């Protein structure tokens, strides 16, 4: 199970990080991956207008705009990946191979 986190860098650019639900995003590692001085979580009130999703239902697939997206490197250990389907309580289960055909993403070490 993975969670989708939307962030904003010092440059005001947005980035999406998808990490295991039991892990925390390392802001230092995430900033380094996207070549930003710093990075922070997007404010909850800004999530719906920016992505089309509410807090707790955010999916890396189907956002209003495609942002640079990074899955934690643990995806390499998974036969399938489960994450939000865009509504609270709904999930998608998909193989990383099929996911890479429908979503442009990178893999990086971004957890604390």
N, C-alpha and C. Protein backbone atom coordinates (compact mmCIF):
# COMPACT_ATOMS: atom_id res chain seq x y z
N UNK A 1 0.84 -1.19 0.00
CA UNK A 1 0.00 0.00 0.00
C UNK A 1 0.88 1.25 0.00
N UNK A 2 0.55 2.17 -0.88
CA UNK A 2 1.29 3.41 -1.02
C UNK A 2 0.35 4.60 -0.83
N UNK A 3 0.91 5.71 -0.38
CA UNK A 3 0.14 6.95 -0.26
C UNK A 3 0.74 7.99 -1.19
N UNK A 4 -0.12 8.89 -1.67
CA UNK A 4 0.27 9.92 -2.62
C UNK A 4 0.38 11.25 -1.90
N UNK A 5 1.56 11.86 -1.98
CA UNK A 5 1.81 13.14 -1.32
C UNK A 5 2.14 14.20 -2.36
N UNK A 6 1.45 15.32 -2.28
CA UNK A 6 1.70 16.42 -3.21
C UNK A 6 2.47 17.50 -2.45
N UNK A 7 3.56 17.93 -3.07
CA UNK A 7 4.46 18.88 -2.41
C UNK A 7 4.68 20.10 -3.28
N UNK A 8 5.29 21.11 -2.67
CA UNK A 8 5.67 22.32 -3.40
C UNK A 8 7.11 22.66 -3.02
N UNK A 9 7.90 22.97 -4.03
CA UNK A 9 9.29 23.32 -3.80
C UNK A 9 9.47 24.81 -3.59
N UNK A 10 10.69 25.21 -3.24
CA UNK A 10 11.00 26.63 -3.04
C UNK A 10 10.74 27.43 -4.31
N UNK A 11 10.82 26.77 -5.47
CA UNK A 11 10.57 27.43 -6.76
C UNK A 11 9.08 27.59 -7.04
N UNK A 12 8.23 27.07 -6.17
CA UNK A 12 6.77 27.06 -6.29
C UNK A 12 6.28 25.99 -7.29
N UNK A 13 7.17 25.12 -7.75
CA UNK A 13 6.77 23.99 -8.60
C UNK A 13 6.23 22.88 -7.72
N UNK A 14 5.30 22.11 -8.27
CA UNK A 14 4.70 21.01 -7.52
C UNK A 14 5.30 19.68 -7.95
N UNK A 15 5.37 18.76 -6.97
CA UNK A 15 5.90 17.43 -7.19
C UNK A 15 5.02 16.43 -6.44
N UNK A 16 4.94 15.22 -6.98
CA UNK A 16 4.16 14.16 -6.37
C UNK A 16 5.11 13.04 -5.95
N UNK A 17 4.97 12.60 -4.71
CA UNK A 17 5.76 11.50 -4.18
C UNK A 17 4.80 10.42 -3.70
N UNK A 18 5.07 9.18 -4.11
CA UNK A 18 4.23 8.06 -3.73
C UNK A 18 5.11 7.11 -2.92
N UNK A 19 4.74 6.97 -1.63
CA UNK A 19 5.59 6.22 -0.71
C UNK A 19 4.75 5.20 0.06
N UNK A 20 5.39 4.18 0.64
CA UNK A 20 4.64 3.21 1.45
C UNK A 20 3.89 3.91 2.58
N UNK A 21 2.68 3.42 2.88
CA UNK A 21 1.83 4.09 3.88
C UNK A 21 2.48 4.15 5.26
N UNK A 22 3.33 3.23 5.60
CA UNK A 22 3.95 3.22 6.92
C UNK A 22 5.22 4.06 7.01
N UNK A 23 5.57 4.72 5.94
CA UNK A 23 6.81 5.51 5.89
C UNK A 23 6.51 7.00 5.88
N UNK A 24 7.56 7.79 6.12
CA UNK A 24 7.45 9.25 6.05
C UNK A 24 8.34 9.75 4.93
N UNK A 25 7.90 10.81 4.28
CA UNK A 25 8.69 11.44 3.23
C UNK A 25 9.88 12.16 3.86
N UNK A 26 11.06 11.94 3.33
CA UNK A 26 12.24 12.70 3.75
C UNK A 26 12.26 13.96 2.88
N UNK A 27 11.98 15.09 3.48
CA UNK A 27 11.96 16.34 2.72
C UNK A 27 13.34 16.66 2.15
N UNK A 28 14.38 16.30 2.87
CA UNK A 28 15.74 16.54 2.40
C UNK A 28 16.03 15.70 1.15
N UNK A 29 15.70 14.40 1.20
CA UNK A 29 15.94 13.53 0.04
C UNK A 29 15.06 13.96 -1.14
N UNK A 30 13.80 14.28 -0.86
CA UNK A 30 12.87 14.68 -1.91
C UNK A 30 13.35 15.95 -2.60
N UNK A 31 13.80 16.93 -1.82
CA UNK A 31 14.31 18.18 -2.40
C UNK A 31 15.54 17.91 -3.28
N UNK A 32 16.40 17.03 -2.82
CA UNK A 32 17.60 16.71 -3.60
C UNK A 32 17.23 16.04 -4.93
N UNK A 33 16.24 15.15 -4.90
CA UNK A 33 15.82 14.44 -6.11
C UNK A 33 15.31 15.40 -7.18
N UNK A 34 14.59 16.44 -6.75
CA UNK A 34 13.99 17.38 -7.71
C UNK A 34 14.82 18.66 -7.87
N UNK A 35 16.00 18.67 -7.27
CA UNK A 35 16.94 19.80 -7.38
C UNK A 35 16.32 21.11 -6.88
N UNK A 36 15.67 21.02 -5.72
CA UNK A 36 15.09 22.18 -5.05
C UNK A 36 15.88 22.46 -3.78
N UNK A 37 15.89 23.72 -3.36
CA UNK A 37 16.54 24.10 -2.10
C UNK A 37 15.78 23.49 -0.92
N UNK A 38 14.46 23.52 -1.02
CA UNK A 38 13.61 22.94 0.03
C UNK A 38 12.29 22.50 -0.60
N UNK A 39 11.57 21.69 0.15
CA UNK A 39 10.28 21.18 -0.31
C UNK A 39 9.38 21.03 0.91
N UNK A 40 8.08 21.25 0.72
CA UNK A 40 7.13 21.08 1.83
C UNK A 40 5.83 20.53 1.27
N UNK A 41 5.00 20.03 2.18
CA UNK A 41 3.70 19.51 1.77
C UNK A 41 2.81 20.65 1.28
N UNK A 42 2.03 20.36 0.26
CA UNK A 42 1.04 21.32 -0.24
C UNK A 42 -0.03 21.49 0.84
N UNK A 43 -0.49 22.68 1.05
CA UNK A 43 -1.56 22.92 2.03
C UNK A 43 -2.82 22.18 1.60
N UNK A 44 -3.51 21.60 2.56
CA UNK A 44 -4.68 20.77 2.28
C UNK A 44 -5.74 21.51 1.47
N UNK A 45 -5.94 22.81 1.75
CA UNK A 45 -6.96 23.59 1.04
C UNK A 45 -6.60 23.80 -0.43
N UNK A 46 -5.32 23.64 -0.78
CA UNK A 46 -4.87 23.83 -2.16
C UNK A 46 -4.92 22.53 -2.98
N UNK A 47 -5.13 21.40 -2.31
CA UNK A 47 -5.08 20.10 -2.98
C UNK A 47 -6.18 19.91 -4.02
N UNK A 48 -7.42 20.16 -3.66
CA UNK A 48 -8.54 19.95 -4.58
C UNK A 48 -8.45 20.85 -5.82
N UNK A 49 -8.23 22.16 -5.67
CA UNK A 49 -8.14 22.99 -6.88
C UNK A 49 -6.97 22.60 -7.79
N UNK A 50 -5.87 22.16 -7.20
CA UNK A 50 -4.68 21.83 -7.98
C UNK A 50 -4.77 20.47 -8.66
N UNK A 51 -5.25 19.46 -7.92
CA UNK A 51 -5.21 18.08 -8.42
C UNK A 51 -6.56 17.52 -8.84
N UNK A 52 -7.64 18.06 -8.25
CA UNK A 52 -8.96 17.49 -8.48
C UNK A 52 -9.31 16.43 -7.45
N UNK A 53 -8.41 16.21 -6.49
CA UNK A 53 -8.62 15.20 -5.45
C UNK A 53 -8.67 15.84 -4.07
N UNK A 54 -9.40 15.17 -3.16
CA UNK A 54 -9.45 15.63 -1.78
C UNK A 54 -8.39 14.90 -0.96
N UNK A 55 -8.07 15.45 0.21
CA UNK A 55 -7.13 14.82 1.13
C UNK A 55 -7.65 13.43 1.49
N UNK A 56 -6.80 12.43 1.38
CA UNK A 56 -7.19 11.05 1.69
C UNK A 56 -7.68 10.29 0.47
N UNK A 57 -7.86 10.99 -0.65
CA UNK A 57 -8.31 10.32 -1.86
C UNK A 57 -7.44 10.66 -3.05
N UNK A 58 -6.26 11.20 -2.80
CA UNK A 58 -5.39 11.66 -3.88
C UNK A 58 -4.70 10.47 -4.55
N UNK A 59 -4.77 10.44 -5.87
CA UNK A 59 -4.16 9.38 -6.67
C UNK A 59 -3.12 10.00 -7.61
N UNK A 60 -2.02 9.29 -7.87
CA UNK A 60 -1.05 9.83 -8.83
C UNK A 60 -1.57 9.79 -10.27
N UNK A 61 -2.63 9.03 -10.50
CA UNK A 61 -3.22 8.92 -11.84
C UNK A 61 -4.44 9.83 -11.93
N UNK A 62 -4.56 10.56 -13.02
CA UNK A 62 -5.77 11.34 -13.27
C UNK A 62 -5.84 12.71 -12.64
N UNK A 63 -4.71 13.25 -12.22
CA UNK A 63 -4.72 14.62 -11.69
C UNK A 63 -5.05 15.60 -12.82
N UNK A 64 -5.54 16.78 -12.44
CA UNK A 64 -5.88 17.81 -13.43
C UNK A 64 -4.69 18.12 -14.33
N UNK A 65 -3.49 18.09 -13.75
CA UNK A 65 -2.26 18.36 -14.48
C UNK A 65 -1.24 17.31 -14.06
N UNK A 66 -0.42 16.88 -14.98
CA UNK A 66 0.62 15.91 -14.64
C UNK A 66 1.82 16.61 -14.04
N UNK A 67 2.17 16.27 -12.82
CA UNK A 67 3.33 16.83 -12.14
C UNK A 67 4.44 15.79 -12.13
N UNK A 68 5.69 16.22 -11.99
CA UNK A 68 6.77 15.23 -11.85
C UNK A 68 6.43 14.30 -10.68
N UNK A 69 6.44 13.01 -10.96
CA UNK A 69 5.99 12.01 -9.99
C UNK A 69 7.11 11.03 -9.70
N UNK A 70 7.29 10.73 -8.41
CA UNK A 70 8.36 9.85 -7.95
C UNK A 70 7.79 8.80 -7.02
N UNK A 71 8.01 7.53 -7.34
CA UNK A 71 7.67 6.44 -6.45
C UNK A 71 8.91 6.10 -5.64
N UNK A 72 8.70 5.80 -4.36
CA UNK A 72 9.82 5.37 -3.53
C UNK A 72 10.40 4.09 -4.13
N UNK A 73 11.70 3.91 -3.95
CA UNK A 73 12.39 2.77 -4.54
C UNK A 73 11.85 1.42 -4.09
N UNK A 74 11.08 1.38 -3.04
CA UNK A 74 10.50 0.11 -2.58
C UNK A 74 9.52 -0.47 -3.61
N UNK A 75 9.10 0.33 -4.58
CA UNK A 75 8.23 -0.18 -5.64
C UNK A 75 8.93 -1.31 -6.41
N UNK A 76 10.26 -1.28 -6.42
CA UNK A 76 11.03 -2.31 -7.13
C UNK A 76 10.88 -3.69 -6.49
N UNK A 77 10.44 -3.73 -5.24
CA UNK A 77 10.26 -4.99 -4.52
C UNK A 77 8.84 -5.53 -4.64
N UNK A 78 7.95 -4.79 -5.30
CA UNK A 78 6.53 -5.12 -5.33
C UNK A 78 6.10 -5.79 -6.64
N UNK A 79 5.31 -6.85 -6.52
CA UNK A 79 4.69 -7.44 -7.71
C UNK A 79 3.52 -6.58 -8.16
N UNK A 80 2.79 -6.04 -7.19
CA UNK A 80 1.70 -5.11 -7.47
C UNK A 80 1.81 -3.94 -6.51
N UNK A 81 1.22 -2.82 -6.91
CA UNK A 81 1.21 -1.60 -6.11
C UNK A 81 -0.25 -1.24 -5.87
N UNK A 82 -0.58 -0.86 -4.64
CA UNK A 82 -1.93 -0.43 -4.29
C UNK A 82 -1.85 1.01 -3.81
N UNK A 83 -2.71 1.87 -4.38
CA UNK A 83 -2.79 3.26 -3.95
C UNK A 83 -4.20 3.77 -4.18
N UNK A 84 -4.49 4.97 -3.72
CA UNK A 84 -5.83 5.55 -3.80
C UNK A 84 -6.31 5.62 -5.24
N UNK A 85 -7.60 5.36 -5.41
CA UNK A 85 -8.22 5.42 -6.74
C UNK A 85 -8.92 6.75 -6.97
N UNK A 86 -8.71 7.72 -6.09
CA UNK A 86 -9.28 9.04 -6.30
C UNK A 86 -10.44 9.38 -5.39
N UNK A 87 -10.88 8.42 -4.59
CA UNK A 87 -11.94 8.64 -3.61
C UNK A 87 -11.51 7.96 -2.31
N UNK A 88 -11.87 8.56 -1.20
CA UNK A 88 -11.54 7.96 0.09
C UNK A 88 -12.17 6.57 0.15
N UNK A 89 -11.36 5.58 0.52
CA UNK A 89 -11.85 4.21 0.65
C UNK A 89 -11.78 3.38 -0.62
N UNK A 90 -11.35 3.97 -1.72
CA UNK A 90 -11.23 3.23 -2.99
C UNK A 90 -9.76 3.14 -3.38
N UNK A 91 -9.33 1.94 -3.81
CA UNK A 91 -7.94 1.75 -4.20
C UNK A 91 -7.82 1.09 -5.57
N UNK A 92 -6.64 1.28 -6.15
CA UNK A 92 -6.26 0.64 -7.40
C UNK A 92 -5.12 -0.32 -7.08
N UNK A 93 -5.17 -1.51 -7.65
CA UNK A 93 -4.04 -2.44 -7.55
C UNK A 93 -3.54 -2.68 -8.96
N UNK A 94 -2.24 -2.48 -9.18
CA UNK A 94 -1.68 -2.53 -10.53
C UNK A 94 -0.23 -2.99 -10.45
N UNK A 95 0.25 -3.62 -11.50
CA UNK A 95 1.67 -4.00 -11.53
C UNK A 95 2.49 -2.77 -11.91
N UNK A 96 3.72 -2.69 -11.44
CA UNK A 96 4.57 -1.57 -11.82
C UNK A 96 4.77 -1.47 -13.34
N UNK A 97 4.78 -2.61 -14.03
CA UNK A 97 4.94 -2.60 -15.49
C UNK A 97 3.78 -1.91 -16.18
N UNK A 98 2.57 -2.24 -15.79
CA UNK A 98 1.38 -1.61 -16.39
C UNK A 98 1.31 -0.15 -15.96
N UNK A 99 1.63 0.14 -14.71
CA UNK A 99 1.62 1.51 -14.22
C UNK A 99 2.56 2.39 -15.06
N UNK A 100 3.72 1.86 -15.42
CA UNK A 100 4.68 2.65 -16.21
C UNK A 100 4.17 2.94 -17.62
N UNK A 101 3.17 2.18 -18.08
CA UNK A 101 2.59 2.42 -19.40
C UNK A 101 1.55 3.55 -19.37
N UNK A 102 1.01 3.83 -18.19
CA UNK A 102 -0.04 4.85 -18.10
C UNK A 102 0.36 6.09 -17.31
N UNK A 103 1.51 6.03 -16.62
CA UNK A 103 1.96 7.15 -15.81
C UNK A 103 3.47 7.32 -15.97
N UNK A 104 3.87 8.53 -16.28
CA UNK A 104 5.29 8.84 -16.38
C UNK A 104 5.80 9.13 -14.97
N UNK A 105 6.64 8.24 -14.44
CA UNK A 105 7.16 8.44 -13.09
C UNK A 105 8.61 7.99 -13.03
N UNK A 106 9.28 8.45 -11.99
CA UNK A 106 10.67 8.06 -11.71
C UNK A 106 10.68 7.32 -10.39
N UNK A 107 11.78 6.63 -10.14
CA UNK A 107 11.95 5.90 -8.89
C UNK A 107 13.12 6.52 -8.15
N UNK A 108 12.93 6.76 -6.85
CA UNK A 108 13.98 7.39 -6.04
C UNK A 108 13.84 6.99 -4.58
N UNK A 109 14.92 7.11 -3.85
CA UNK A 109 14.93 6.88 -2.40
C UNK A 109 14.46 8.19 -1.75
N UNK A 110 13.21 8.25 -1.33
CA UNK A 110 12.65 9.49 -0.78
C UNK A 110 12.04 9.34 0.61
N UNK A 111 12.22 8.17 1.26
CA UNK A 111 11.65 8.01 2.59
C UNK A 111 12.69 8.23 3.67
N UNK A 112 12.18 8.61 4.84
CA UNK A 112 13.07 8.90 5.98
C UNK A 112 13.59 7.62 6.58
